[in-house]
């Protein structure tokens, strides 16, 4: 009598094993998707913040360099004295930015507007010198200025002129001497500038005429010859809504202005700087 032993191999999976496999695969897939989503969110947020920082640095750099020039003039002509103009804020309709829009209308968005006046460098800073470098006077938008020795005002505003929902820092140059605009229309310099506020450092101590004792708003400046510096604050965004930011109410305060309440998904930062005037009168 012989004994036969037959061995049968298991084929396929039991229902329990299959359910466990599906559950484990679902967990792993969910973890992978969560990782990918988190990585993308972090990338988008870092990119938005980078754009905000770039816009803020660029806008402050433009304003700082121009404000420092306030009151400068060509020393090779005239009496060489610093003129009584050097910095202006226009809250009236002294300047109209086009045929229909006045300064008052532009000031309604609560942002300050500044006009920096000076005499741009001449075409030949060293007359009679064969090695002199020819420099053409230009507006803040790069337009050549034909009339030499005229007083120029670079007017900076915060607007949304193209109605795309993005505020920008605009500039247009005005020929104060000829009472005419040098550029066809204001052009944006930096996008994502939502608000601008400016305070002015006043020297009230007669014994220390170059020392700032207080910072005040433009309507509290009684004599512009007493200001020594300007404190500029900008509310800056990336210029576009973030797909991953939370849509909620955010409040910001720039210098002495009231609270700005904004509800959207744009990340914002406040950038501030203080600029000393190099051409003030003592």
Protein backbone atom coordinates (compact mmCIF):
# COMPACT_ATOMS: atom_id res chain seq x y z
CA UNK A 1 0.00 0.00 0.00
CA UNK A 2 1.51 3.33 -1.00
CA UNK A 3 0.67 6.73 0.54
CA UNK A 4 0.33 9.69 -1.79
CA UNK A 5 0.66 13.20 -0.47
CA UNK A 6 -0.54 15.95 -2.71
CA UNK A 7 0.51 19.63 -2.08
CA UNK A 8 -1.58 22.40 -3.55
CA UNK A 9 -0.14 25.90 -3.80
CA UNK A 10 -2.27 28.87 -2.81
CA UNK A 11 -3.53 30.79 -5.80
CA UNK A 12 -4.77 34.42 -5.64
CA UNK A 13 -5.63 36.45 -2.53
CA UNK A 14 -8.31 36.07 0.01
CA UNK A 15 -10.88 38.83 0.36
CA UNK A 16 -9.35 40.02 3.63
CA UNK A 17 -5.87 40.27 2.14
CA UNK A 18 -7.24 42.17 -0.84
CA UNK A 19 -9.03 44.67 1.40
CA UNK A 20 -5.88 45.23 3.44
CA UNK A 21 -3.83 45.80 0.27
CA UNK A 22 -6.35 48.33 -1.06
CA UNK A 23 -6.41 50.15 2.27
CA UNK A 24 -2.61 50.37 2.43
CA UNK A 25 -2.44 51.58 -1.17
CA UNK A 26 -5.05 54.26 -0.46
CA UNK A 27 -3.11 55.49 2.57
CA UNK A 28 0.14 55.67 0.61
CA UNK A 29 -1.55 57.41 -2.32
CA UNK A 30 -3.16 59.95 0.01
CA UNK A 31 0.16 60.66 1.69
CA UNK A 32 1.83 61.16 -1.69
CA UNK A 33 -0.90 63.56 -2.86
CA UNK A 34 -0.70 65.48 0.41
CA UNK A 35 3.06 65.81 0.02
CA UNK A 36 2.72 67.05 -3.56
CA UNK A 37 0.02 69.57 -2.58
CA UNK A 38 2.01 70.85 0.40
CA UNK A 39 5.12 71.22 -1.73
CA UNK A 40 3.20 73.17 -4.37
CA UNK A 41 1.60 75.41 -1.75
CA UNK A 42 5.00 76.14 -0.23
CA UNK A 43 6.41 76.93 -3.68
CA UNK A 44 3.52 79.22 -4.62
CA UNK A 45 3.71 81.05 -1.28
CA UNK A 46 7.48 81.49 -1.57
CA UNK A 47 7.04 82.79 -5.12
CA UNK A 48 4.35 85.27 -4.02
CA UNK A 49 6.50 86.54 -1.15
CA UNK A 50 9.47 86.85 -3.50
CA UNK A 51 7.39 89.00 -5.88
CA UNK A 52 6.22 91.17 -2.98
CA UNK A 53 9.81 91.69 -1.83
CA UNK A 54 10.98 92.51 -5.34
CA UNK A 55 8.17 95.04 -5.88
CA UNK A 56 8.82 96.65 -2.50
CA UNK A 57 12.58 96.96 -2.99
CA UNK A 58 12.22 98.34 -6.51
CA UNK A 59 9.60 100.95 -5.56
CA UNK A 60 11.56 102.15 -2.52
CA UNK A 61 14.76 102.31 -4.57
CA UNK A 62 13.11 104.49 -7.24
CA UNK A 63 11.53 106.84 -4.71
CA UNK A 64 14.64 107.06 -2.52
CA UNK A 65 16.98 107.99 -5.37
CA UNK A 66 14.60 110.63 -6.74
CA UNK A 67 13.68 112.18 -3.40
CA UNK A 68 17.38 112.61 -2.58
CA UNK A 69 17.67 114.72 -5.76
CA UNK A 70 15.01 117.18 -4.60
CA UNK A 71 16.24 120.75 -4.90
CA UNK A 72 19.40 120.02 -6.87
CA UNK A 73 20.38 122.33 -9.70
CA UNK A 74 23.20 122.83 -12.17
CA UNK A 75 26.02 124.59 -10.31
CA UNK A 76 27.56 125.83 -13.56
CA UNK A 77 24.79 128.35 -14.13
CA UNK A 78 23.10 130.91 -11.95
CA UNK A 79 24.37 131.98 -8.54
CA UNK A 80 25.04 128.45 -7.28
CA UNK A 81 22.55 128.87 -4.43
CA UNK A 82 20.09 126.14 -3.54
CA UNK A 83 16.67 127.35 -4.76
CA UNK A 84 13.62 127.66 -2.55
CA UNK A 85 11.97 124.70 -4.27
CA UNK A 86 12.99 121.17 -3.47
CA UNK A 87 9.97 119.11 -2.51
CA UNK A 88 6.26 119.59 -3.01
CA UNK A 89 3.00 117.91 -2.18
CA UNK A 90 0.04 119.03 -4.22
CA UNK A 91 -3.34 118.57 -2.58
CA UNK A 92 -5.02 120.99 -4.96
CA UNK A 93 -5.54 120.91 -8.70
CA UNK A 94 -2.27 122.69 -9.47
CA UNK A 95 -1.40 119.82 -11.77
CA UNK A 96 -3.94 117.96 -13.88
CA UNK A 97 -2.76 114.55 -15.03
CA UNK A 98 -4.82 114.62 -18.21
CA UNK A 99 -7.63 116.58 -19.76
CA UNK A 100 -10.30 115.14 -17.47
CA UNK A 101 -8.67 113.74 -14.31
CA UNK A 102 -7.67 116.23 -11.63
CA UNK A 103 -5.41 115.82 -8.66
CA UNK A 104 -8.34 115.82 -6.24
CA UNK A 105 -9.88 112.79 -7.94
CA UNK A 106 -6.61 110.91 -7.77
CA UNK A 107 -6.22 111.62 -4.06
CA UNK A 108 -9.52 109.92 -3.26
CA UNK A 109 -7.88 106.48 -2.93
CA UNK A 110 -6.30 107.58 0.40
CA UNK A 111 -2.75 107.29 -0.96
CA UNK A 112 -0.40 110.24 -0.75
CA UNK A 113 0.98 111.81 -3.90
CA UNK A 114 4.41 113.41 -4.08
CA UNK A 115 6.10 115.67 -6.61
CA UNK A 116 9.89 115.93 -6.46
CA UNK A 117 11.24 119.13 -8.01
CA UNK A 118 14.79 119.70 -9.22
CA UNK A 119 16.90 120.85 -12.15
CA UNK A 120 18.18 117.73 -13.97
CA UNK A 121 21.91 117.62 -14.85
CA UNK A 122 22.81 119.46 -18.06
CA UNK A 123 23.96 117.89 -21.31
CA UNK A 124 27.56 118.95 -20.69
CA UNK A 125 28.51 119.00 -17.00
CA UNK A 126 32.00 120.32 -17.88
CA UNK A 127 31.76 122.97 -20.62
CA UNK A 128 34.91 123.35 -22.70
CA UNK A 129 36.23 119.95 -21.71
CA UNK A 130 36.72 117.70 -24.70
CA UNK A 131 36.49 114.66 -22.44
CA UNK A 132 33.15 115.72 -21.03
CA UNK A 133 30.48 113.06 -21.10
CA UNK A 134 27.30 114.07 -22.89
CA UNK A 135 24.30 113.52 -20.62
CA UNK A 136 20.79 114.11 -21.94
CA UNK A 137 18.23 115.29 -19.43
CA UNK A 138 15.40 112.78 -19.11
CA UNK A 139 12.04 112.52 -17.40
CA UNK A 140 11.17 109.78 -14.91
CA UNK A 141 9.87 107.75 -17.87
CA UNK A 142 13.03 108.18 -19.94
CA UNK A 143 11.77 110.88 -22.29
CA UNK A 144 14.42 113.36 -23.44
CA UNK A 145 14.00 116.90 -22.11
CA UNK A 146 14.60 119.53 -24.79
CA UNK A 147 14.54 122.66 -22.61
CA UNK A 148 17.64 122.97 -20.43
CA UNK A 149 17.72 124.62 -17.00
CA UNK A 150 13.97 124.21 -16.54
CA UNK A 151 12.67 123.03 -13.18
CA UNK A 152 11.20 119.53 -13.43
CA UNK A 153 8.73 117.85 -11.07
CA UNK A 154 8.45 114.07 -11.06
CA UNK A 155 4.92 113.33 -9.85
CA UNK A 156 4.41 109.92 -8.20
CA UNK A 157 0.96 108.45 -7.61
CA UNK A 158 -0.60 105.09 -6.72
CA UNK A 159 -3.35 104.19 -9.20
CA UNK A 160 -5.09 101.47 -11.18
CA UNK A 161 -5.36 103.28 -14.49
CA UNK A 162 -5.97 100.21 -16.65
CA UNK A 163 -8.71 98.86 -14.34
CA UNK A 164 -7.17 95.40 -14.04
CA UNK A 165 -7.51 95.29 -10.26
CA UNK A 166 -3.79 95.84 -9.68
CA UNK A 167 -2.53 99.12 -8.22
CA UNK A 168 0.83 100.40 -9.41
CA UNK A 169 3.31 103.18 -8.69
CA UNK A 170 2.92 105.69 -11.53
CA UNK A 171 5.09 108.61 -12.54
CA UNK A 172 4.84 111.54 -14.91
CA UNK A 173 7.21 114.49 -15.25
CA UNK A 174 5.99 118.08 -15.29
CA UNK A 175 7.95 121.08 -16.55
CA UNK A 176 7.33 123.61 -13.79
CA UNK A 177 9.06 126.42 -15.70
CA UNK A 178 7.04 125.90 -18.89
CA UNK A 179 3.89 124.75 -17.04
CA UNK A 180 3.44 121.71 -19.26
CA UNK A 181 3.62 117.93 -19.05
CA UNK A 182 6.65 116.26 -20.59
CA UNK A 183 5.16 112.79 -20.93
CA UNK A 184 1.97 111.94 -22.76
CA UNK A 185 0.43 110.17 -19.75
CA UNK A 186 1.52 108.62 -16.46
CA UNK A 187 3.07 105.18 -16.84
CA UNK A 188 3.41 102.41 -14.24
CA UNK A 189 6.87 101.88 -12.80
CA UNK A 190 6.18 99.05 -10.34
CA UNK A 191 3.07 96.86 -10.05
CA UNK A 192 1.59 95.75 -6.76
CA UNK A 193 1.91 99.07 -4.89
CA UNK A 194 -1.44 99.36 -3.11
CA UNK A 195 -0.88 102.41 -0.92
CA UNK A 196 1.74 105.07 -0.20
CA UNK A 197 2.01 107.31 2.84
CA UNK A 198 4.60 110.03 3.48
CA UNK A 199 5.60 111.95 6.61
CA UNK A 200 8.06 114.84 6.67
CA UNK A 201 10.84 115.44 9.17
CA UNK A 202 10.85 119.02 10.41
CA UNK A 203 13.71 120.86 12.11
CA UNK A 204 12.16 123.22 14.65
CA UNK A 205 15.19 123.72 16.89
CA UNK A 206 16.96 126.92 15.83
CA UNK A 207 20.14 125.82 17.59
CA UNK A 208 20.20 122.58 15.56
CA UNK A 209 18.77 123.45 12.13
CA UNK A 210 19.84 120.14 10.61
CA UNK A 211 18.25 117.96 13.31
CA UNK A 212 14.75 116.54 12.81
CA UNK A 213 12.52 117.05 15.83
CA UNK A 214 9.24 115.58 14.55
CA UNK A 215 7.57 113.88 11.60
CA UNK A 216 4.28 115.33 10.38
CA UNK A 217 1.88 114.93 7.47
CA UNK A 218 1.89 117.36 4.53
CA UNK A 219 -1.08 119.37 5.79
CA UNK A 220 0.86 120.21 8.97
CA UNK A 221 3.94 121.58 7.20
CA UNK A 222 3.92 125.36 7.50
CA UNK A 223 7.30 125.97 5.86
CA UNK A 224 8.79 123.49 3.40
CA UNK A 225 12.23 125.02 3.89
CA UNK A 226 12.24 123.50 7.39
CA UNK A 227 11.89 119.88 6.35
CA UNK A 228 15.03 117.76 6.37
CA UNK A 229 13.82 114.27 5.50
CA UNK A 230 10.86 112.19 4.38
CA UNK A 231 9.58 108.93 5.80
CA UNK A 232 7.95 106.82 3.08
CA UNK A 233 5.81 103.74 3.71
CA UNK A 234 4.39 101.44 1.03
CA UNK A 235 1.81 98.67 1.17
CA UNK A 236 3.03 96.13 -1.38
CA UNK A 237 1.42 93.04 -2.91
CA UNK A 238 2.47 90.56 -5.57
CA UNK A 239 -0.11 92.01 -7.94
CA UNK A 240 -2.10 88.79 -8.24
CA UNK A 241 -4.33 86.64 -6.04
CA UNK A 242 -2.77 83.55 -4.50
CA UNK A 243 -4.52 80.25 -5.28
CA UNK A 244 -3.62 78.86 -1.86
CA UNK A 245 -4.02 81.92 0.38
CA UNK A 246 -7.07 82.21 2.60
CA UNK A 247 -9.68 84.74 1.49
CA UNK A 248 -10.12 86.78 4.65
CA UNK A 249 -10.12 90.31 6.04
CA UNK A 250 -6.66 91.76 6.64
CA UNK A 251 -5.88 95.16 8.15
CA UNK A 252 -2.79 97.31 7.64
CA UNK A 253 -1.64 100.65 9.01
CA UNK A 254 0.96 102.83 7.31
CA UNK A 255 2.55 105.59 9.40
CA UNK A 256 -0.20 107.91 10.69
CA UNK A 257 -2.94 106.76 8.31
CA UNK A 258 -6.03 104.92 9.48
CA UNK A 259 -6.48 101.18 9.25
CA UNK A 260 -6.75 99.84 5.70
CA UNK A 261 -9.16 96.89 5.59
CA UNK A 262 -8.77 94.58 2.58
CA UNK A 263 -10.53 91.27 1.93
CA UNK A 264 -8.86 89.15 -0.74
CA UNK A 265 -6.22 86.45 -1.21
CA UNK A 266 -3.22 88.65 -1.95
CA UNK A 267 -0.25 88.46 0.44
CA UNK A 268 1.01 91.92 1.38
CA UNK A 269 3.88 93.49 3.28
CA UNK A 270 4.64 97.01 4.51
CA UNK A 271 7.97 98.52 3.45
CA UNK A 272 9.26 101.78 4.93
CA UNK A 273 12.33 103.95 4.63
CA UNK A 274 13.56 107.38 5.70
CA UNK A 275 15.24 109.63 3.12
CA UNK A 276 17.42 112.60 4.03
CA UNK A 277 17.33 115.62 1.72
CA UNK A 278 20.74 116.62 0.41
CA UNK A 279 19.78 120.05 -0.92
CA UNK A 280 17.86 121.74 1.88
CA UNK A 281 18.27 125.38 2.86
CA UNK A 282 19.56 126.35 6.29
